[in-house]
Amino acid sequence: MTKLMQTDLSPDGARIVVNWKKFTPGSSVFIPAINTRKAVEDVLEATGLAKKDLVIRVRVENGLYGVRVWRVR
């Protein structure tokens, strides 16, 4: 089993790896997750950004439930 890194997400127990260096202002990422609250907590912890720097929406995309996060600052 691969070790979960601090910058990885795991809102539902499955490891999600995001290249946070490319998560620049104006970009977005979709995190498929049932536990959307935990997904948001994981994003905030992994990025070190404040909530005011992000726009967060719970959505269904391509049949998957999750969270779309846009970086605005």
PDB file of N, CA and C in Angstrom:
ATOM      1  N   MET A   1       0.836  -1.177   0.000  1.00  0.00           N
ATOM      2  CA  MET A   1       0.000   0.000   0.000  1.00  0.00           C
ATOM      3  C   MET A   1       0.882   1.242   0.000  1.00  0.00           C
ATOM      4  N   THR A   2       0.558   2.206  -0.853  1.00  0.00           N
ATOM      5  CA  THR A   2       1.320   3.430  -0.957  1.00  0.00           C
ATOM      6  C   THR A   2       0.976   4.348   0.204  1.00  0.00           C
ATOM      7  N   LYS A   3       2.000   4.952   0.781  1.00  0.00           N
ATOM      8  CA  LYS A   3       1.805   5.841   1.918  1.00  0.00           C
ATOM      9  C   LYS A   3       1.093   7.121   1.473  1.00  0.00           C
ATOM     10  N   LEU A   4       0.142   7.564   2.256  1.00  0.00           N
ATOM     11  CA  LEU A   4      -0.602   8.786   1.979  1.00  0.00           C
ATOM     12  C   LEU A   4       0.271   9.976   2.363  1.00  0.00           C
ATOM     13  N   MET A   5       0.534  10.849   1.396  1.00  0.00           N
ATOM     14  CA  MET A   5       1.344  12.041   1.630  1.00  0.00           C
ATOM     15  C   MET A   5       0.443  13.154   2.160  1.00  0.00           C
ATOM     16  N   GLN A   6       1.029  14.149   2.817  1.00  0.00           N
ATOM     17  CA  GLN A   6       0.255  15.252   3.387  1.00  0.00           C
ATOM     18  C   GLN A   6      -0.512  16.010   2.313  1.00  0.00           C
ATOM     19  N   THR A   7       0.022  16.038   1.094  1.00  0.00           N
ATOM     20  CA  THR A   7      -0.628  16.780   0.021  1.00  0.00           C
ATOM     21  C   THR A   7      -1.642  15.934  -0.755  1.00  0.00           C
ATOM     22  N   ASP A   8      -1.777  14.656  -0.424  1.00  0.00           N
ATOM     23  CA  ASP A   8      -2.773  13.792  -1.050  1.00  0.00           C
ATOM     24  C   ASP A   8      -4.118  13.978  -0.346  1.00  0.00           C
ATOM     25  N   LEU A   9      -5.169  13.617  -1.048  1.00  0.00           N
ATOM     26  CA  LEU A   9      -6.513  13.676  -0.485  1.00  0.00           C
ATOM     27  C   LEU A   9      -7.030  12.264  -0.274  1.00  0.00           C
ATOM     28  N   SER A  10      -7.903  12.109   0.693  1.00  0.00           N
ATOM     29  CA  SER A  10      -8.502  10.802   0.946  1.00  0.00           C
ATOM     30  C   SER A  10      -9.851  10.960   1.648  1.00  0.00           C
ATOM     31  N   PRO A  11     -10.786  11.699   1.037  1.00  0.00           N
ATOM     32  CA  PRO A  11     -12.050  11.956   1.736  1.00  0.00           C
ATOM     33  C   PRO A  11     -12.908  10.722   1.965  1.00  0.00           C
ATOM     34  N   ASP A  12     -12.812   9.727   1.095  1.00  0.00           N
ATOM     35  CA  ASP A  12     -13.622   8.511   1.240  1.00  0.00           C
ATOM     36  C   ASP A  12     -12.762   7.269   1.443  1.00  0.00           C
ATOM     37  N   GLY A  13     -11.484   7.471   1.736  1.00  0.00           N
ATOM     38  CA  GLY A  13     -10.593   6.347   1.975  1.00  0.00           C
ATOM     39  C   GLY A  13      -9.743   5.959   0.779  1.00  0.00           C
ATOM     40  N   ALA A  14     -10.062   6.443  -0.403  1.00  0.00           N
ATOM     41  CA  ALA A  14      -9.257   6.174  -1.595  1.00  0.00           C
ATOM     42  C   ALA A  14      -8.306   7.345  -1.826  1.00  0.00           C
ATOM     43  N   ARG A  15      -7.062   7.049  -2.128  1.00  0.00           N
ATOM     44  CA  ARG A  15      -6.040   8.077  -2.314  1.00  0.00           C
ATOM     45  C   ARG A  15      -6.270   8.845  -3.616  1.00  0.00           C
ATOM     46  N   ILE A  16      -6.262  10.180  -3.523  1.00  0.00           N
ATOM     47  CA  ILE A  16      -6.373  11.062  -4.682  1.00  0.00           C
ATOM     48  C   ILE A  16      -5.144  11.955  -4.688  1.00  0.00           C
ATOM     49  N   VAL A  17      -4.397  11.920  -5.782  1.00  0.00           N
ATOM     50  CA  VAL A  17      -3.179  12.714  -5.899  1.00  0.00           C
ATOM     51  C   VAL A  17      -3.440  13.873  -6.841  1.00  0.00           C
ATOM     52  N   VAL A  18      -3.125  15.087  -6.388  1.00  0.00           N
ATOM     53  CA  VAL A  18      -3.292  16.294  -7.187  1.00  0.00           C
ATOM     54  C   VAL A  18      -1.951  17.008  -7.230  1.00  0.00           C
ATOM     55  N   ASN A  19      -1.560  17.499  -8.398  1.00  0.00           N
ATOM     56  CA  ASN A  19      -0.343  18.294  -8.511  1.00  0.00           C
ATOM     57  C   ASN A  19      -0.684  19.724  -8.090  1.00  0.00           C
ATOM     58  N   TRP A  20      -0.509  20.028  -6.821  1.00  0.00           N
ATOM     59  CA  TRP A  20      -0.909  21.322  -6.275  1.00  0.00           C
ATOM     60  C   TRP A  20      -0.054  22.462  -6.810  1.00  0.00           C
ATOM     61  N   LYS A  21       1.120  22.184  -7.348  1.00  0.00           N
ATOM     62  CA  LYS A  21       1.953  23.243  -7.939  1.00  0.00           C
ATOM     63  C   LYS A  21       1.267  23.855  -9.155  1.00  0.00           C
ATOM     64  N   LYS A  22       0.424  23.076  -9.824  1.00  0.00           N
ATOM     65  CA  LYS A  22      -0.307  23.572 -10.992  1.00  0.00           C
ATOM     66  C   LYS A  22      -1.657  24.192 -10.615  1.00  0.00           C
ATOM     67  N   PHE A  23      -1.993  24.166  -9.340  1.00  0.00           N
ATOM     68  CA  PHE A  23      -3.258  24.733  -8.866  1.00  0.00           C
ATOM     69  C   PHE A  23      -3.060  26.226  -8.611  1.00  0.00           C
ATOM     70  N   THR A  24      -2.978  26.967  -9.684  1.00  0.00           N
ATOM     71  CA  THR A  24      -2.698  28.395  -9.645  1.00  0.00           C
ATOM     72  C   THR A  24      -4.001  29.185  -9.736  1.00  0.00           C
ATOM     73  N   PRO A  25      -3.967  30.478  -9.396  1.00  0.00           N
ATOM     74  CA  PRO A  25      -5.190  31.282  -9.521  1.00  0.00           C
ATOM     75  C   PRO A  25      -5.793  31.169 -10.920  1.00  0.00           C
ATOM     76  N   GLY A  26      -7.099  30.915 -10.967  1.00  0.00           N
ATOM     77  CA  GLY A  26      -7.812  30.725 -12.229  1.00  0.00           C
ATOM     78  C   GLY A  26      -8.011  29.273 -12.608  1.00  0.00           C
ATOM     79  N   SER A  27      -7.362  28.357 -11.901  1.00  0.00           N
ATOM     80  CA  SER A  27      -7.519  26.932 -12.217  1.00  0.00           C
ATOM     81  C   SER A  27      -8.526  26.292 -11.264  1.00  0.00           C
ATOM     82  N   SER A  28      -8.944  25.074 -11.609  1.00  0.00           N
ATOM     83  CA  SER A  28      -9.883  24.352 -10.750  1.00  0.00           C
ATOM     84  C   SER A  28      -9.558  22.868 -10.767  1.00  0.00           C
ATOM     85  N   VAL A  29     -10.113  22.167  -9.793  1.00  0.00           N
ATOM     86  CA  VAL A  29      -9.944  20.725  -9.696  1.00  0.00           C
ATOM     87  C   VAL A  29     -11.260  20.127  -9.197  1.00  0.00           C
ATOM     88  N   PHE A  30     -11.621  18.973  -9.762  1.00  0.00           N
ATOM     89  CA  PHE A  30     -12.801  18.246  -9.298  1.00  0.00           C
ATOM     90  C   PHE A  30     -12.333  17.080  -8.454  1.00  0.00           C
ATOM     91  N   ILE A  31     -12.869  16.987  -7.236  1.00  0.00           N
ATOM     92  CA  ILE A  31     -12.536  15.905  -6.312  1.00  0.00           C
ATOM     93  C   ILE A  31     -13.773  15.028  -6.170  1.00  0.00           C
ATOM     94  N   PRO A  32     -13.773  13.822  -6.765  1.00  0.00           N
ATOM     95  CA  PRO A  32     -14.914  12.932  -6.581  1.00  0.00           C
ATOM     96  C   PRO A  32     -14.949  12.443  -5.133  1.00  0.00           C
ATOM     97  N   ALA A  33     -16.091  12.634  -4.476  1.00  0.00           N
ATOM     98  CA  ALA A  33     -16.186  12.248  -3.066  1.00  0.00           C
ATOM     99  C   ALA A  33     -17.633  12.243  -2.609  1.00  0.00           C
ATOM    100  N   ILE A  34     -17.969  11.280  -1.778  1.00  0.00           N
ATOM    101  CA  ILE A  34     -19.265  11.262  -1.111  1.00  0.00           C
ATOM    102  C   ILE A  34     -19.191  12.187   0.108  1.00  0.00           C
ATOM    103  N   ASN A  35     -18.091  12.105   0.837  1.00  0.00           N
ATOM    104  CA  ASN A  35     -17.876  12.941   2.020  1.00  0.00           C
ATOM    105  C   ASN A  35     -17.285  14.278   1.569  1.00  0.00           C
ATOM    106  N   THR A  36     -18.156  15.162   1.084  1.00  0.00           N
ATOM    107  CA  THR A  36     -17.690  16.429   0.513  1.00  0.00           C
ATOM    108  C   THR A  36     -17.094  17.352   1.573  1.00  0.00           C
ATOM    109  N   ARG A  37     -17.593  17.291   2.771  1.00  0.00           N
ATOM    110  CA  ARG A  37     -17.039  18.113   3.859  1.00  0.00           C
ATOM    111  C   ARG A  37     -15.577  17.748   4.111  1.00  0.00           C
ATOM    112  N   LYS A  38     -15.288  16.449   4.145  1.00  0.00           N
ATOM    113  CA  LYS A  38     -13.909  15.976   4.354  1.00  0.00           C
ATOM    114  C   LYS A  38     -13.042  16.337   3.148  1.00  0.00           C
ATOM    115  N   ALA A  39     -13.611  16.291   1.958  1.00  0.00           N
ATOM    116  CA  ALA A  39     -12.860  16.657   0.754  1.00  0.00           C
ATOM    117  C   ALA A  39     -12.412  18.111   0.834  1.00  0.00           C
ATOM    118  N   VAL A  40     -13.295  18.994   1.272  1.00  0.00           N
ATOM    119  CA  VAL A  40     -12.943  20.412   1.417  1.00  0.00           C
ATOM    120  C   VAL A  40     -11.864  20.577   2.492  1.00  0.00           C
ATOM    121  N   GLU A  41     -12.015  19.899   3.612  1.00  0.00           N
ATOM    122  CA  GLU A  41     -10.999  19.953   4.673  1.00  0.00           C
ATOM    123  C   GLU A  41      -9.648  19.486   4.147  1.00  0.00           C
ATOM    124  N   ASP A  42      -9.645  18.399   3.378  1.00  0.00           N
ATOM    125  CA  ASP A  42      -8.400  17.874   2.807  1.00  0.00           C
ATOM    126  C   ASP A  42      -7.758  18.872   1.852  1.00  0.00           C
ATOM    127  N   VAL A  43      -8.565  19.530   1.018  1.00  0.00           N
ATOM    128  CA  VAL A  43      -8.037  20.524   0.075  1.00  0.00           C
ATOM    129  C   VAL A  43      -7.401  21.679   0.837  1.00  0.00           C
ATOM    130  N   LEU A  44      -8.088  22.184   1.849  1.00  0.00           N
ATOM    131  CA  LEU A  44      -7.546  23.292   2.635  1.00  0.00           C
ATOM    132  C   LEU A  44      -6.239  22.907   3.314  1.00  0.00           C
ATOM    133  N   GLU A  45      -6.177  21.698   3.857  1.00  0.00           N
ATOM    134  CA  GLU A  45      -4.963  21.237   4.521  1.00  0.00           C
ATOM    135  C   GLU A  45      -3.825  21.020   3.521  1.00  0.00           C
ATOM    136  N   ALA A  46      -4.128  20.403   2.387  1.00  0.00           N
ATOM    137  CA  ALA A  46      -3.094  20.086   1.399  1.00  0.00           C
ATOM    138  C   ALA A  46      -2.509  21.335   0.751  1.00  0.00           C
ATOM    139  N   THR A  47      -3.353  22.340   0.509  1.00  0.00           N
ATOM    140  CA  THR A  47      -2.892  23.542  -0.185  1.00  0.00           C
ATOM    141  C   THR A  47      -2.355  24.599   0.758  1.00  0.00           C
ATOM    142  N   GLY A  48      -2.829  24.608   1.989  1.00  0.00           N
ATOM    143  CA  GLY A  48      -2.449  25.661   2.921  1.00  0.00           C
ATOM    144  C   GLY A  48      -3.139  26.981   2.616  1.00  0.00           C
ATOM    145  N   LEU A  49      -4.134  26.944   1.732  1.00  0.00           N
ATOM    146  CA  LEU A  49      -4.869  28.150   1.364  1.00  0.00           C
ATOM    147  C   LEU A  49      -6.033  28.380   2.322  1.00  0.00           C
ATOM    148  N   ALA A  50      -6.480  29.631   2.393  1.00  0.00           N
ATOM    149  CA  ALA A  50      -7.661  29.976   3.188  1.00  0.00           C
ATOM    150  C   ALA A  50      -8.902  29.791   2.328  1.00  0.00           C
ATOM    151  N   LYS A  51     -10.044  29.602   2.970  1.00  0.00           N
ATOM    152  CA  LYS A  51     -11.299  29.430   2.239  1.00  0.00           C
ATOM    153  C   LYS A  51     -11.599  30.626   1.347  1.00  0.00           C
ATOM    154  N   LYS A  52     -11.179  31.824   1.756  1.00  0.00           N
ATOM    155  CA  LYS A  52     -11.438  33.025   0.965  1.00  0.00           C
ATOM    156  C   LYS A  52     -10.683  33.017  -0.362  1.00  0.00           C
ATOM    157  N   ASP A  53      -9.675  32.160  -0.486  1.00  0.00           N
ATOM    158  CA  ASP A  53      -8.896  32.050  -1.717  1.00  0.00           C
ATOM    159  C   ASP A  53      -9.519  31.075  -2.712  1.00  0.00           C
ATOM    160  N   LEU A  54     -10.615  30.431  -2.308  1.00  0.00           N
ATOM    161  CA  LEU A  54     -11.228  29.369  -3.111  1.00  0.00           C
ATOM    162  C   LEU A  54     -12.728  29.613  -3.296  1.00  0.00           C
ATOM    163  N   VAL A  55     -13.255  29.087  -4.388  1.00  0.00           N
ATOM    164  CA  VAL A  55     -14.700  28.964  -4.578  1.00  0.00           C
ATOM    165  C   VAL A  55     -14.967  27.468  -4.597  1.00  0.00           C
ATOM    166  N   ILE A  56     -15.887  27.026  -3.756  1.00  0.00           N
ATOM    167  CA  ILE A  56     -16.134  25.589  -3.576  1.00  0.00           C
ATOM    168  C   ILE A  56     -17.600  25.298  -3.859  1.00  0.00           C
ATOM    169  N   ARG A  57     -17.846  24.308  -4.720  1.00  0.00           N
ATOM    170  CA  ARG A  57     -19.222  23.916  -5.063  1.00  0.00           C
ATOM    171  C   ARG A  57     -19.332  22.391  -5.064  1.00  0.00           C
ATOM    172  N   VAL A  58     -20.378  21.881  -4.417  1.00  0.00           N
ATOM    173  CA  VAL A  58     -20.705  20.456  -4.497  1.00  0.00           C
ATOM    174  C   VAL A  58     -21.445  20.259  -5.812  1.00  0.00           C
ATOM    175  N   ARG A  59     -21.006  19.275  -6.599  1.00  0.00           N
ATOM    176  CA  ARG A  59     -21.553  19.089  -7.949  1.00  0.00           C
ATOM    177  C   ARG A  59     -21.572  17.616  -8.341  1.00  0.00           C
ATOM    178  N   VAL A  60     -22.288  17.347  -9.414  1.00  0.00           N
ATOM    179  CA  VAL A  60     -22.217  16.059 -10.097  1.00  0.00           C
ATOM    180  C   VAL A  60     -21.601  16.338 -11.459  1.00  0.00           C
ATOM    181  N   GLU A  61     -20.468  15.700 -11.747  1.00  0.00           N
ATOM    182  CA  GLU A  61     -19.793  15.873 -13.030  1.00  0.00           C
ATOM    183  C   GLU A  61     -19.520  14.494 -13.629  1.00  0.00           C
ATOM    184  N   ASN A  62     -19.923  14.324 -14.866  1.00  0.00           N
ATOM    185  CA  ASN A  62     -19.754  13.041 -15.562  1.00  0.00           C
ATOM    186  C   ASN A  62     -20.276  11.880 -14.724  1.00  0.00           C
ATOM    187  N   GLY A  63     -21.394  12.106 -14.037  1.00  0.00           N
ATOM    188  CA  GLY A  63     -22.023  11.063 -13.238  1.00  0.00           C
ATOM    189  C   GLY A  63     -21.382  10.821 -11.882  1.00  0.00           C
ATOM    190  N   LEU A  64     -20.379  11.623 -11.505  1.00  0.00           N
ATOM    191  CA  LEU A  64     -19.698  11.458 -10.223  1.00  0.00           C
ATOM    192  C   LEU A  64     -20.050  12.612  -9.293  1.00  0.00           C
ATOM    193  N   TYR A  65     -20.380  12.277  -8.057  1.00  0.00           N
ATOM    194  CA  TYR A  65     -20.675  13.266  -7.031  1.00  0.00           C
ATOM    195  C   TYR A  65     -19.360  13.718  -6.407  1.00  0.00           C
ATOM    196  N   GLY A  66     -19.214  15.006  -6.157  1.00  0.00           N
ATOM    197  CA  GLY A  66     -17.985  15.479  -5.548  1.00  0.00           C
ATOM    198  C   GLY A  66     -17.959  16.981  -5.374  1.00  0.00           C
ATOM    199  N   VAL A  67     -16.753  17.532  -5.321  1.00  0.00           N
ATOM    200  CA  VAL A  67     -16.544  18.947  -5.064  1.00  0.00           C
ATOM    201  C   VAL A  67     -15.661  19.532  -6.167  1.00  0.00           C
ATOM    202  N   ARG A  68     -16.097  20.633  -6.755  1.00  0.00           N
ATOM    203  CA  ARG A  68     -15.263  21.399  -7.690  1.00  0.00           C
ATOM    204  C   ARG A  68     -14.699  22.572  -6.896  1.00  0.00           C
ATOM    205  N   VAL A  69     -13.383  22.743  -6.941  1.00  0.00           N
ATOM    206  CA  VAL A  69     -12.705  23.817  -6.221  1.00  0.00           C
ATOM    207  C   VAL A  69     -11.966  24.685  -7.222  1.00  0.00           C
ATOM    208  N   TRP A  70     -12.278  25.969  -7.230  1.00  0.00           N
ATOM    209  CA  TRP A  70     -11.585  26.939  -8.061  1.00  0.00           C
ATOM    210  C   TRP A  70     -10.674  27.777  -7.179  1.00  0.00           C
ATOM    211  N   ARG A  71      -9.464  28.022  -7.625  1.00  0.00           N
ATOM    212  CA  ARG A  71      -8.573  28.929  -6.896  1.00  0.00           C
ATOM    213  C   ARG A  71      -8.748  30.321  -7.483  1.00  0.00           C
ATOM    214  N   VAL A  72      -9.131  31.285  -6.658  1.00  0.00           N
ATOM    215  CA  VAL A  72      -9.370  32.644  -7.140  1.00  0.00           C
ATOM    216  C   VAL A  72      -8.262  33.614  -6.742  1.00  0.00           C
ATOM    217  N   ARG A  73      -7.447  33.251  -5.770  1.00  0.00           N
ATOM    218  CA  ARG A  73      -6.316  34.106  -5.349  1.00  0.00           C
ATOM    219  C   ARG A  73      -5.072  33.290  -5.207  1.00  0.00           C
TER     220      ARG A  73
END
